[in-house]
Amino acid sequence: MCIVFVEYRIEEACRNKYLEWSDGIRRQHQQLELYEGTDQPNLFVEIWNGLSEEEYHSMKQARAGAEAAEDDSNLWKPLDHWIKGGRAKLQIWHFKKVE
């Protein structure tokens, strides 16, 4: 089991579209928790609990991989336009519990 953190800043002008879209994503993925920075509005962190290492790699490829940028059917594609600085500013980290 692991925890995955995904961090990005949403453009102010895209905030409402993003929040509406993220509601749908959270309904589809019960293991997702979404947080917004209290000191930094529009800075969002997703926390994904219980993903396998394979699920993490698949998510990372779908969200940050080169092919993902070309796939218009990709669930994560709207973020490319809403993240301040684009896809290059999306950060994804994978953590496993220290035994």
N, C-alpha and C. Protein backbone atom coordinates (compact mmCIF):
# COMPACT_ATOMS: atom_id res chain seq x y z
N MET A 1 0.84 -1.18 0.00
CA MET A 1 0.00 0.00 0.00
C MET A 1 0.88 1.24 0.00
N CYS A 2 0.35 2.29 -0.56
CA CYS A 2 1.13 3.52 -0.65
C CYS A 2 0.19 4.72 -0.58
N ILE A 3 0.81 5.88 -0.54
CA ILE A 3 0.09 7.15 -0.65
C ILE A 3 0.71 7.89 -1.83
N VAL A 4 -0.13 8.49 -2.63
CA VAL A 4 0.33 9.29 -3.75
C VAL A 4 -0.16 10.72 -3.54
N PHE A 5 0.76 11.66 -3.67
CA PHE A 5 0.44 13.09 -3.60
C PHE A 5 0.56 13.67 -5.00
N VAL A 6 -0.43 14.46 -5.39
CA VAL A 6 -0.39 15.17 -6.66
C VAL A 6 -0.62 16.64 -6.33
N GLU A 7 0.27 17.50 -6.82
CA GLU A 7 0.20 18.91 -6.45
C GLU A 7 0.27 19.78 -7.69
N TYR A 8 -0.55 20.85 -7.69
CA TYR A 8 -0.57 21.79 -8.81
C TYR A 8 -1.30 23.06 -8.38
N ARG A 9 -1.09 24.13 -9.14
CA ARG A 9 -1.77 25.40 -8.91
C ARG A 9 -2.69 25.66 -10.11
N ILE A 10 -3.94 25.95 -9.80
CA ILE A 10 -4.95 26.21 -10.84
C ILE A 10 -5.01 27.71 -11.11
N GLU A 11 -5.13 28.07 -12.38
CA GLU A 11 -5.30 29.47 -12.77
C GLU A 11 -6.60 30.00 -12.14
N GLU A 12 -6.57 31.19 -11.62
CA GLU A 12 -7.73 31.80 -10.97
C GLU A 12 -8.95 31.80 -11.90
N ALA A 13 -8.73 32.13 -13.16
CA ALA A 13 -9.84 32.20 -14.11
C ALA A 13 -10.49 30.84 -14.37
N CYS A 14 -9.79 29.77 -14.05
CA CYS A 14 -10.28 28.41 -14.31
C CYS A 14 -10.81 27.72 -13.05
N ARG A 15 -10.78 28.40 -11.95
CA ARG A 15 -11.11 27.80 -10.65
C ARG A 15 -12.50 27.13 -10.63
N ASN A 16 -13.53 27.82 -11.08
CA ASN A 16 -14.88 27.25 -11.04
C ASN A 16 -15.01 26.02 -11.92
N LYS A 17 -14.45 26.06 -13.12
CA LYS A 17 -14.46 24.89 -14.00
C LYS A 17 -13.74 23.73 -13.34
N TYR A 18 -12.58 24.02 -12.74
CA TYR A 18 -11.80 22.99 -12.07
C TYR A 18 -12.59 22.36 -10.93
N LEU A 19 -13.20 23.17 -10.08
CA LEU A 19 -13.93 22.64 -8.93
C LEU A 19 -15.11 21.77 -9.37
N GLU A 20 -15.80 22.17 -10.40
CA GLU A 20 -16.90 21.37 -10.94
C GLU A 20 -16.37 20.03 -11.46
N TRP A 21 -15.29 20.07 -12.24
CA TRP A 21 -14.67 18.86 -12.79
C TRP A 21 -14.17 17.95 -11.67
N SER A 22 -13.53 18.53 -10.65
CA SER A 22 -12.97 17.72 -9.57
C SER A 22 -14.05 17.02 -8.75
N ASP A 23 -15.23 17.61 -8.65
CA ASP A 23 -16.35 16.94 -7.97
C ASP A 23 -16.66 15.61 -8.65
N GLY A 24 -16.68 15.61 -9.95
CA GLY A 24 -16.93 14.39 -10.71
C GLY A 24 -15.83 13.37 -10.53
N ILE A 25 -14.60 13.83 -10.52
CA ILE A 25 -13.46 12.93 -10.33
C ILE A 25 -13.53 12.27 -8.94
N ARG A 26 -13.87 13.05 -7.93
CA ARG A 26 -13.94 12.50 -6.56
C ARG A 26 -15.09 11.51 -6.42
N ARG A 27 -16.16 11.71 -7.15
CA ARG A 27 -17.26 10.73 -7.11
C ARG A 27 -16.83 9.41 -7.76
N GLN A 28 -15.98 9.48 -8.77
CA GLN A 28 -15.50 8.28 -9.47
C GLN A 28 -14.41 7.55 -8.71
N HIS A 29 -13.65 8.28 -7.90
CA HIS A 29 -12.48 7.70 -7.22
C HIS A 29 -12.58 7.96 -5.72
N GLN A 30 -13.15 7.00 -5.01
CA GLN A 30 -13.37 7.14 -3.58
C GLN A 30 -12.07 7.24 -2.77
N GLN A 31 -10.97 6.77 -3.32
CA GLN A 31 -9.69 6.82 -2.60
C GLN A 31 -9.00 8.18 -2.70
N LEU A 32 -9.63 9.14 -3.36
CA LEU A 32 -9.07 10.48 -3.55
C LEU A 32 -9.60 11.45 -2.50
N GLU A 33 -8.67 12.17 -1.87
CA GLU A 33 -9.00 13.30 -1.00
C GLU A 33 -8.37 14.53 -1.65
N LEU A 34 -9.10 15.65 -1.66
CA LEU A 34 -8.61 16.88 -2.28
C LEU A 34 -8.51 17.98 -1.24
N TYR A 35 -7.38 18.67 -1.24
CA TYR A 35 -7.14 19.77 -0.30
C TYR A 35 -6.68 21.00 -1.07
N GLU A 36 -7.02 22.17 -0.51
CA GLU A 36 -6.55 23.44 -1.06
C GLU A 36 -5.74 24.16 -0.01
N GLY A 37 -4.65 24.77 -0.43
CA GLY A 37 -3.80 25.52 0.50
C GLY A 37 -4.54 26.69 1.13
N THR A 38 -4.51 26.79 2.45
CA THR A 38 -5.17 27.90 3.13
C THR A 38 -4.36 29.18 3.01
N ASP A 39 -3.05 29.05 2.93
CA ASP A 39 -2.17 30.21 2.76
C ASP A 39 -1.92 30.53 1.28
N GLN A 40 -2.25 29.57 0.41
CA GLN A 40 -2.01 29.74 -1.02
C GLN A 40 -3.25 29.28 -1.79
N PRO A 41 -4.25 30.15 -1.92
CA PRO A 41 -5.45 29.77 -2.67
C PRO A 41 -5.09 29.28 -4.07
N ASN A 42 -5.86 28.33 -4.54
CA ASN A 42 -5.69 27.71 -5.86
C ASN A 42 -4.52 26.75 -5.95
N LEU A 43 -3.84 26.49 -4.84
CA LEU A 43 -2.83 25.44 -4.78
C LEU A 43 -3.53 24.21 -4.23
N PHE A 44 -3.59 23.15 -5.03
CA PHE A 44 -4.32 21.95 -4.66
C PHE A 44 -3.39 20.77 -4.49
N VAL A 45 -3.74 19.92 -3.54
CA VAL A 45 -3.03 18.66 -3.31
C VAL A 45 -4.07 17.56 -3.30
N GLU A 46 -3.83 16.56 -4.12
CA GLU A 46 -4.64 15.35 -4.11
C GLU A 46 -3.88 14.32 -3.27
N ILE A 47 -4.59 13.61 -2.43
CA ILE A 47 -4.01 12.49 -1.69
C ILE A 47 -4.78 11.25 -2.09
N TRP A 48 -4.05 10.30 -2.65
CA TRP A 48 -4.61 9.03 -3.09
C TRP A 48 -4.13 7.95 -2.12
N ASN A 49 -5.06 7.26 -1.50
CA ASN A 49 -4.72 6.22 -0.53
C ASN A 49 -4.97 4.84 -1.13
N GLY A 50 -4.08 3.91 -0.80
CA GLY A 50 -4.28 2.51 -1.13
C GLY A 50 -4.04 2.12 -2.57
N LEU A 51 -3.33 2.92 -3.33
CA LEU A 51 -3.02 2.53 -4.70
C LEU A 51 -1.88 1.51 -4.69
N SER A 52 -1.95 0.57 -5.59
CA SER A 52 -0.82 -0.36 -5.77
C SER A 52 0.27 0.38 -6.54
N GLU A 53 1.45 -0.18 -6.58
CA GLU A 53 2.53 0.45 -7.33
C GLU A 53 2.19 0.49 -8.82
N GLU A 54 1.50 -0.53 -9.31
CA GLU A 54 1.09 -0.56 -10.71
C GLU A 54 0.06 0.54 -11.00
N GLU A 55 -0.89 0.73 -10.08
CA GLU A 55 -1.89 1.79 -10.25
C GLU A 55 -1.23 3.16 -10.25
N TYR A 56 -0.25 3.33 -9.38
CA TYR A 56 0.49 4.61 -9.34
C TYR A 56 1.17 4.88 -10.68
N HIS A 57 1.90 3.89 -11.20
CA HIS A 57 2.62 4.08 -12.46
C HIS A 57 1.65 4.35 -13.61
N SER A 58 0.52 3.67 -13.60
CA SER A 58 -0.49 3.90 -14.62
C SER A 58 -1.04 5.33 -14.53
N MET A 59 -1.33 5.78 -13.30
CA MET A 59 -1.82 7.15 -13.11
C MET A 59 -0.78 8.17 -13.56
N LYS A 60 0.46 7.95 -13.18
CA LYS A 60 1.51 8.90 -13.54
C LYS A 60 1.65 8.99 -15.06
N GLN A 61 1.60 7.86 -15.73
CA GLN A 61 1.69 7.84 -17.19
C GLN A 61 0.51 8.58 -17.81
N ALA A 62 -0.68 8.34 -17.27
CA ALA A 62 -1.89 8.97 -17.82
C ALA A 62 -1.91 10.48 -17.59
N ARG A 63 -1.28 10.92 -16.53
CA ARG A 63 -1.34 12.34 -16.18
C ARG A 63 -0.13 13.13 -16.63
N ALA A 64 1.04 12.50 -16.65
CA ALA A 64 2.26 13.24 -16.93
C ALA A 64 3.05 12.69 -18.11
N GLY A 65 2.66 11.53 -18.61
CA GLY A 65 3.39 10.92 -19.72
C GLY A 65 3.20 11.67 -21.02
N ALA A 66 4.15 11.49 -21.93
CA ALA A 66 4.12 12.20 -23.21
C ALA A 66 2.88 11.85 -24.03
N GLU A 67 2.47 10.57 -24.01
CA GLU A 67 1.31 10.15 -24.80
C GLU A 67 0.03 10.79 -24.29
N ALA A 68 -0.04 11.04 -22.99
CA ALA A 68 -1.24 11.60 -22.37
C ALA A 68 -1.58 12.97 -22.95
N ALA A 69 -0.59 13.72 -23.34
CA ALA A 69 -0.81 15.06 -23.88
C ALA A 69 -1.55 15.00 -25.22
N GLU A 70 -1.41 13.89 -25.93
CA GLU A 70 -2.02 13.74 -27.25
C GLU A 70 -3.39 13.09 -27.21
N ASP A 71 -3.75 12.45 -26.10
CA ASP A 71 -4.97 11.67 -25.99
C ASP A 71 -6.13 12.54 -25.51
N ASP A 72 -6.99 12.95 -26.42
CA ASP A 72 -8.10 13.83 -26.07
C ASP A 72 -9.15 13.15 -25.21
N SER A 73 -9.17 11.82 -25.17
CA SER A 73 -10.13 11.09 -24.34
C SER A 73 -9.62 10.87 -22.91
N ASN A 74 -8.41 11.32 -22.64
CA ASN A 74 -7.79 11.15 -21.32
C ASN A 74 -8.60 11.92 -20.27
N LEU A 75 -9.00 11.21 -19.22
CA LEU A 75 -9.77 11.79 -18.12
C LEU A 75 -9.10 13.04 -17.53
N TRP A 76 -7.77 13.06 -17.52
CA TRP A 76 -7.00 14.13 -16.88
C TRP A 76 -6.67 15.29 -17.80
N LYS A 77 -7.01 15.20 -19.06
CA LYS A 77 -6.65 16.21 -20.07
C LYS A 77 -7.07 17.64 -19.70
N PRO A 78 -8.27 17.88 -19.12
CA PRO A 78 -8.65 19.26 -18.81
C PRO A 78 -7.65 19.98 -17.90
N LEU A 79 -6.98 19.24 -17.03
CA LEU A 79 -6.01 19.89 -16.13
C LEU A 79 -4.88 20.58 -16.89
N ASP A 80 -4.53 20.04 -18.04
CA ASP A 80 -3.45 20.64 -18.83
C ASP A 80 -3.70 22.12 -19.10
N HIS A 81 -4.96 22.49 -19.24
CA HIS A 81 -5.32 23.87 -19.58
C HIS A 81 -5.56 24.73 -18.34
N TRP A 82 -5.79 24.10 -17.20
CA TRP A 82 -6.14 24.83 -15.98
C TRP A 82 -4.96 25.03 -15.05
N ILE A 83 -3.94 24.18 -15.16
CA ILE A 83 -2.77 24.30 -14.28
C ILE A 83 -1.93 25.49 -14.72
N LYS A 84 -1.59 26.33 -13.75
CA LYS A 84 -0.72 27.48 -14.04
C LYS A 84 0.64 26.95 -14.47
N GLY A 85 1.04 27.23 -15.68
CA GLY A 85 2.29 26.72 -16.22
C GLY A 85 2.13 25.41 -16.98
N GLY A 86 0.91 24.89 -17.04
CA GLY A 86 0.64 23.69 -17.82
C GLY A 86 1.11 22.40 -17.17
N ARG A 87 1.04 21.33 -17.94
CA ARG A 87 1.38 19.97 -17.50
C ARG A 87 2.75 19.88 -16.83
N ALA A 88 3.70 20.69 -17.24
CA ALA A 88 5.05 20.63 -16.67
C ALA A 88 5.07 20.99 -15.18
N LYS A 89 4.04 21.68 -14.71
CA LYS A 89 3.98 22.09 -13.31
C LYS A 89 3.23 21.10 -12.42
N LEU A 90 2.74 20.01 -12.99
CA LEU A 90 2.07 18.96 -12.23
C LEU A 90 3.14 18.11 -11.53
N GLN A 91 3.03 17.97 -10.23
CA GLN A 91 3.98 17.18 -9.45
C GLN A 91 3.27 15.94 -8.90
N ILE A 92 3.88 14.77 -9.05
CA ILE A 92 3.31 13.53 -8.53
C ILE A 92 4.40 12.82 -7.73
N TRP A 93 4.05 12.50 -6.47
CA TRP A 93 4.99 11.79 -5.60
C TRP A 93 4.36 10.53 -5.05
N HIS A 94 5.13 9.49 -4.94
CA HIS A 94 4.70 8.19 -4.43
C HIS A 94 5.46 7.90 -3.13
N PHE A 95 4.72 7.55 -2.09
CA PHE A 95 5.33 7.25 -0.80
C PHE A 95 4.86 5.89 -0.32
N LYS A 96 5.78 5.14 0.27
CA LYS A 96 5.37 3.89 0.91
C LYS A 96 5.74 3.97 2.39
N LYS A 97 5.01 3.21 3.18
CA LYS A 97 5.18 3.23 4.62
C LYS A 97 6.55 2.66 5.01
N VAL A 98 7.20 3.32 5.93
CA VAL A 98 8.48 2.84 6.44
C VAL A 98 8.20 1.74 7.45
N GLU A 99 8.81 0.63 7.23
CA GLU A 99 8.61 -0.52 8.15
C GLU A 99 9.68 -0.54 9.21
